[in-house]
Amino acid sequence: MEDSSSNRRWLDSLEEEDINFLKRFLLASGSLKELAEGYKVSYPTVRLRLDRLIQKVHVYDDANAGDAHERHMRALAADGKIDTATLKTLLSSYRKTQKS
């Protein structure tokens, strides 16, 4: 059985902006249309943000996604802040430094 701290690791790792998005999503009863109206953006924009947030939660919740630094890099990629090629380069470089 997992302890409560490991169950919350993903939540504690999210940025304040992500937590606010989740709160607004819940208060909108999961309606992406209502959320898009509230943010004054298109439905596809909200859908993309939600998809990226889901990916970040998976990364932060996955104990096999490496150490905290690796999970942070993977979350940046999930959030679209770095591309996949950059992620691979950074992970490779980081892992080499960890071996020495």
N, C-alpha and C. Protein backbone atom coordinates (compact mmCIF):
# COMPACT_ATOMS: atom_id res chain seq x y z
N MET A 1 0.84 -1.18 0.00
CA MET A 1 0.00 0.00 0.00
C MET A 1 0.89 1.25 0.00
N GLU A 2 0.56 2.23 -0.85
CA GLU A 2 1.33 3.46 -0.92
C GLU A 2 0.94 4.39 0.22
N ASP A 3 1.93 5.15 0.71
CA ASP A 3 1.59 6.12 1.74
C ASP A 3 1.00 7.37 1.08
N SER A 4 0.40 8.22 1.89
CA SER A 4 -0.29 9.39 1.35
C SER A 4 0.66 10.37 0.68
N SER A 5 1.91 10.43 1.13
CA SER A 5 2.85 11.37 0.51
C SER A 5 3.17 10.95 -0.91
N SER A 6 3.31 9.66 -1.20
CA SER A 6 3.58 9.24 -2.58
C SER A 6 2.33 9.37 -3.44
N ASN A 7 1.15 9.28 -2.84
CA ASN A 7 -0.08 9.48 -3.60
C ASN A 7 -0.25 10.93 -4.03
N ARG A 8 0.35 11.85 -3.30
CA ARG A 8 0.20 13.29 -3.59
C ARG A 8 1.39 13.89 -4.33
N ARG A 9 2.41 13.09 -4.60
CA ARG A 9 3.61 13.62 -5.25
C ARG A 9 3.25 14.38 -6.53
N TRP A 10 2.34 13.85 -7.30
CA TRP A 10 1.98 14.50 -8.57
C TRP A 10 1.34 15.86 -8.31
N LEU A 11 0.50 15.95 -7.30
CA LEU A 11 -0.19 17.20 -6.99
C LEU A 11 0.79 18.24 -6.46
N ASP A 12 1.67 17.81 -5.60
CA ASP A 12 2.66 18.73 -5.04
C ASP A 12 3.64 19.24 -6.09
N SER A 13 3.80 18.51 -7.18
CA SER A 13 4.74 18.89 -8.23
C SER A 13 4.15 19.86 -9.25
N LEU A 14 2.84 20.00 -9.27
CA LEU A 14 2.21 20.89 -10.25
C LEU A 14 2.42 22.35 -9.91
N GLU A 15 2.49 23.16 -10.95
CA GLU A 15 2.60 24.60 -10.77
C GLU A 15 1.25 25.15 -10.33
N GLU A 16 1.27 26.31 -9.71
CA GLU A 16 0.04 26.95 -9.22
C GLU A 16 -0.97 27.14 -10.35
N GLU A 17 -0.48 27.49 -11.52
CA GLU A 17 -1.34 27.69 -12.68
C GLU A 17 -2.10 26.40 -13.05
N ASP A 18 -1.41 25.27 -12.96
CA ASP A 18 -2.04 23.97 -13.24
C ASP A 18 -3.10 23.65 -12.20
N ILE A 19 -2.81 23.93 -10.95
CA ILE A 19 -3.77 23.66 -9.88
C ILE A 19 -5.01 24.54 -10.05
N ASN A 20 -4.82 25.79 -10.42
CA ASN A 20 -5.96 26.68 -10.69
C ASN A 20 -6.79 26.18 -11.86
N PHE A 21 -6.12 25.67 -12.89
CA PHE A 21 -6.84 25.11 -14.03
C PHE A 21 -7.69 23.92 -13.58
N LEU A 22 -7.09 23.03 -12.78
CA LEU A 22 -7.84 21.88 -12.26
C LEU A 22 -9.05 22.31 -11.43
N LYS A 23 -8.86 23.32 -10.61
CA LYS A 23 -9.96 23.82 -9.79
C LYS A 23 -11.09 24.35 -10.66
N ARG A 24 -10.74 25.14 -11.66
CA ARG A 24 -11.76 25.69 -12.56
C ARG A 24 -12.44 24.57 -13.34
N PHE A 25 -11.68 23.54 -13.73
CA PHE A 25 -12.24 22.38 -14.44
C PHE A 25 -13.27 21.67 -13.56
N LEU A 26 -12.92 21.46 -12.30
CA LEU A 26 -13.85 20.81 -11.37
C LEU A 26 -15.09 21.65 -11.14
N LEU A 27 -14.91 22.96 -10.95
CA LEU A 27 -16.05 23.84 -10.71
C LEU A 27 -16.95 23.96 -11.94
N ALA A 28 -16.38 23.70 -13.12
CA ALA A 28 -17.17 23.71 -14.35
C ALA A 28 -17.77 22.32 -14.60
N SER A 29 -17.70 21.45 -13.61
CA SER A 29 -18.22 20.07 -13.70
C SER A 29 -17.62 19.31 -14.89
N GLY A 30 -16.37 19.63 -15.20
CA GLY A 30 -15.70 18.93 -16.29
C GLY A 30 -16.09 19.40 -17.67
N SER A 31 -16.81 20.49 -17.77
CA SER A 31 -17.23 20.99 -19.07
C SER A 31 -16.11 21.80 -19.72
N LEU A 32 -15.50 21.22 -20.76
CA LEU A 32 -14.44 21.94 -21.46
C LEU A 32 -14.98 23.16 -22.19
N LYS A 33 -16.21 23.07 -22.64
CA LYS A 33 -16.83 24.21 -23.31
C LYS A 33 -16.95 25.39 -22.34
N GLU A 34 -17.43 25.12 -21.14
CA GLU A 34 -17.56 26.17 -20.13
C GLU A 34 -16.18 26.71 -19.73
N LEU A 35 -15.22 25.83 -19.62
CA LEU A 35 -13.87 26.24 -19.28
C LEU A 35 -13.27 27.13 -20.36
N ALA A 36 -13.48 26.76 -21.61
CA ALA A 36 -12.99 27.58 -22.73
C ALA A 36 -13.61 28.97 -22.71
N GLU A 37 -14.90 29.03 -22.41
CA GLU A 37 -15.57 30.33 -22.31
C GLU A 37 -14.99 31.15 -21.17
N GLY A 38 -14.71 30.51 -20.04
CA GLY A 38 -14.14 31.20 -18.89
C GLY A 38 -12.75 31.74 -19.16
N TYR A 39 -11.95 31.00 -19.91
CA TYR A 39 -10.60 31.44 -20.25
C TYR A 39 -10.58 32.32 -21.51
N LYS A 40 -11.73 32.39 -22.18
CA LYS A 40 -11.85 33.15 -23.43
C LYS A 40 -10.88 32.64 -24.50
N VAL A 41 -10.86 31.31 -24.63
CA VAL A 41 -10.06 30.64 -25.64
C VAL A 41 -10.94 29.59 -26.32
N SER A 42 -10.42 28.97 -27.36
CA SER A 42 -11.20 27.97 -28.08
C SER A 42 -11.21 26.63 -27.33
N TYR A 43 -12.19 25.82 -27.66
CA TYR A 43 -12.30 24.48 -27.09
C TYR A 43 -11.03 23.67 -27.34
N PRO A 44 -10.49 23.65 -28.59
CA PRO A 44 -9.27 22.88 -28.82
C PRO A 44 -8.08 23.35 -27.95
N THR A 45 -8.01 24.63 -27.65
CA THR A 45 -6.94 25.14 -26.79
C THR A 45 -7.07 24.57 -25.38
N VAL A 46 -8.28 24.54 -24.85
CA VAL A 46 -8.51 23.97 -23.52
C VAL A 46 -8.25 22.47 -23.53
N ARG A 47 -8.66 21.81 -24.59
CA ARG A 47 -8.44 20.36 -24.72
C ARG A 47 -6.95 20.05 -24.71
N LEU A 48 -6.17 20.85 -25.45
CA LEU A 48 -4.72 20.65 -25.50
C LEU A 48 -4.11 20.88 -24.11
N ARG A 49 -4.54 21.90 -23.43
CA ARG A 49 -4.01 22.18 -22.09
C ARG A 49 -4.33 21.04 -21.13
N LEU A 50 -5.55 20.53 -21.21
CA LEU A 50 -5.93 19.40 -20.36
C LEU A 50 -5.11 18.16 -20.71
N ASP A 51 -4.92 17.89 -21.99
CA ASP A 51 -4.11 16.73 -22.40
C ASP A 51 -2.69 16.84 -21.88
N ARG A 52 -2.12 18.04 -21.96
CA ARG A 52 -0.76 18.25 -21.46
C ARG A 52 -0.70 18.08 -19.94
N LEU A 53 -1.73 18.56 -19.27
CA LEU A 53 -1.78 18.43 -17.81
C LEU A 53 -1.89 16.95 -17.42
N ILE A 54 -2.67 16.20 -18.15
CA ILE A 54 -2.79 14.76 -17.90
C ILE A 54 -1.43 14.09 -18.07
N GLN A 55 -0.69 14.46 -19.12
CA GLN A 55 0.65 13.90 -19.33
C GLN A 55 1.58 14.24 -18.17
N LYS A 56 1.51 15.49 -17.69
CA LYS A 56 2.35 15.89 -16.57
C LYS A 56 2.02 15.08 -15.32
N VAL A 57 0.77 14.85 -15.07
CA VAL A 57 0.36 14.06 -13.90
C VAL A 57 0.91 12.64 -14.03
N HIS A 58 0.81 12.07 -15.23
CA HIS A 58 1.37 10.72 -15.44
C HIS A 58 2.87 10.70 -15.13
N VAL A 59 3.58 11.71 -15.61
CA VAL A 59 5.02 11.78 -15.39
C VAL A 59 5.33 11.88 -13.90
N TYR A 60 4.69 12.81 -13.22
CA TYR A 60 4.97 13.02 -11.80
C TYR A 60 4.52 11.84 -10.94
N ASP A 61 3.53 11.10 -11.39
CA ASP A 61 2.99 9.98 -10.63
C ASP A 61 3.76 8.68 -10.88
N ASP A 62 4.55 8.66 -11.94
CA ASP A 62 5.26 7.45 -12.34
C ASP A 62 6.59 7.33 -11.59
N ALA A 63 6.66 6.39 -10.69
CA ALA A 63 7.88 6.19 -9.91
C ALA A 63 9.03 5.71 -10.80
N ASN A 64 8.73 5.18 -11.98
CA ASN A 64 9.75 4.69 -12.89
C ASN A 64 10.23 5.75 -13.87
N ALA A 65 9.77 6.98 -13.73
CA ALA A 65 10.14 8.06 -14.66
C ALA A 65 11.45 8.72 -14.25
N GLY A 66 12.25 8.07 -13.44
CA GLY A 66 13.53 8.62 -13.03
C GLY A 66 13.43 9.40 -11.74
N ASP A 67 14.51 10.09 -11.43
CA ASP A 67 14.52 10.89 -10.21
C ASP A 67 13.74 12.18 -10.41
N ALA A 68 13.72 13.01 -9.40
CA ALA A 68 12.92 14.25 -9.46
C ALA A 68 13.35 15.14 -10.62
N HIS A 69 14.65 15.20 -10.88
CA HIS A 69 15.15 16.04 -11.98
C HIS A 69 14.67 15.51 -13.33
N GLU A 70 14.74 14.19 -13.53
CA GLU A 70 14.27 13.60 -14.78
C GLU A 70 12.76 13.79 -14.94
N ARG A 71 12.01 13.62 -13.87
CA ARG A 71 10.56 13.82 -13.96
C ARG A 71 10.25 15.27 -14.33
N HIS A 72 11.01 16.21 -13.78
CA HIS A 72 10.80 17.62 -14.11
C HIS A 72 11.06 17.87 -15.60
N MET A 73 12.13 17.30 -16.13
CA MET A 73 12.42 17.45 -17.57
C MET A 73 11.30 16.84 -18.40
N ARG A 74 10.83 15.68 -18.01
CA ARG A 74 9.75 15.02 -18.76
C ARG A 74 8.46 15.84 -18.68
N ALA A 75 8.22 16.46 -17.54
CA ALA A 75 7.03 17.30 -17.39
C ALA A 75 7.12 18.54 -18.28
N LEU A 76 8.31 19.11 -18.41
CA LEU A 76 8.50 20.25 -19.32
C LEU A 76 8.16 19.86 -20.75
N ALA A 77 8.55 18.66 -21.14
CA ALA A 77 8.22 18.17 -22.48
C ALA A 77 6.72 17.93 -22.62
N ALA A 78 6.11 17.35 -21.60
CA ALA A 78 4.67 17.10 -21.63
C ALA A 78 3.90 18.41 -21.73
N ASP A 79 4.44 19.45 -21.13
CA ASP A 79 3.80 20.76 -21.12
C ASP A 79 4.09 21.55 -22.41
N GLY A 80 4.91 21.00 -23.29
CA GLY A 80 5.22 21.67 -24.54
C GLY A 80 6.27 22.75 -24.41
N LYS A 81 6.95 22.79 -23.28
CA LYS A 81 7.97 23.83 -23.06
C LYS A 81 9.31 23.47 -23.67
N ILE A 82 9.56 22.16 -23.86
CA ILE A 82 10.71 21.70 -24.63
C ILE A 82 10.23 20.59 -25.55
N ASP A 83 10.92 20.42 -26.69
CA ASP A 83 10.51 19.39 -27.63
C ASP A 83 11.15 18.04 -27.27
N THR A 84 10.70 17.00 -27.93
CA THR A 84 11.16 15.65 -27.61
C THR A 84 12.65 15.48 -27.86
N ALA A 85 13.17 16.06 -28.94
CA ALA A 85 14.59 15.94 -29.24
C ALA A 85 15.42 16.59 -28.13
N THR A 86 14.99 17.75 -27.67
CA THR A 86 15.69 18.43 -26.58
C THR A 86 15.62 17.60 -25.30
N LEU A 87 14.47 17.03 -25.02
CA LEU A 87 14.32 16.17 -23.84
C LEU A 87 15.32 15.02 -23.89
N LYS A 88 15.41 14.35 -25.03
CA LYS A 88 16.33 13.21 -25.16
C LYS A 88 17.77 13.65 -24.95
N THR A 89 18.13 14.80 -25.50
CA THR A 89 19.49 15.32 -25.32
C THR A 89 19.77 15.62 -23.86
N LEU A 90 18.83 16.30 -23.21
CA LEU A 90 19.01 16.65 -21.80
C LEU A 90 19.09 15.41 -20.91
N LEU A 91 18.21 14.44 -21.16
CA LEU A 91 18.23 13.22 -20.36
C LEU A 91 19.53 12.46 -20.54
N SER A 92 20.00 12.38 -21.77
CA SER A 92 21.25 11.68 -22.05
C SER A 92 22.42 12.35 -21.33
N SER A 93 22.48 13.66 -21.44
CA SER A 93 23.55 14.41 -20.78
C SER A 93 23.47 14.26 -19.25
N TYR A 94 22.26 14.37 -18.73
CA TYR A 94 22.07 14.25 -17.28
C TYR A 94 22.49 12.86 -16.79
N ARG A 95 22.11 11.83 -17.51
CA ARG A 95 22.44 10.46 -17.10
C ARG A 95 23.95 10.23 -17.13
N LYS A 96 24.63 10.85 -18.10
CA LYS A 96 26.10 10.71 -18.16
C LYS A 96 26.73 11.35 -16.94
N THR A 97 26.23 12.49 -16.51
CA THR A 97 26.79 13.15 -15.33
C THR A 97 26.51 12.35 -14.06
N GLN A 98 25.40 11.62 -14.05
CA GLN A 98 25.04 10.82 -12.87
C GLN A 98 25.97 9.59 -12.74
N LYS A 99 26.46 9.10 -13.88
CA LYS A 99 27.32 7.92 -13.86
C LYS A 99 28.73 8.24 -13.40
N SER A 100 29.15 9.50 -13.59
CA SER A 100 30.54 9.84 -13.23
C SER A 100 30.70 10.18 -11.78
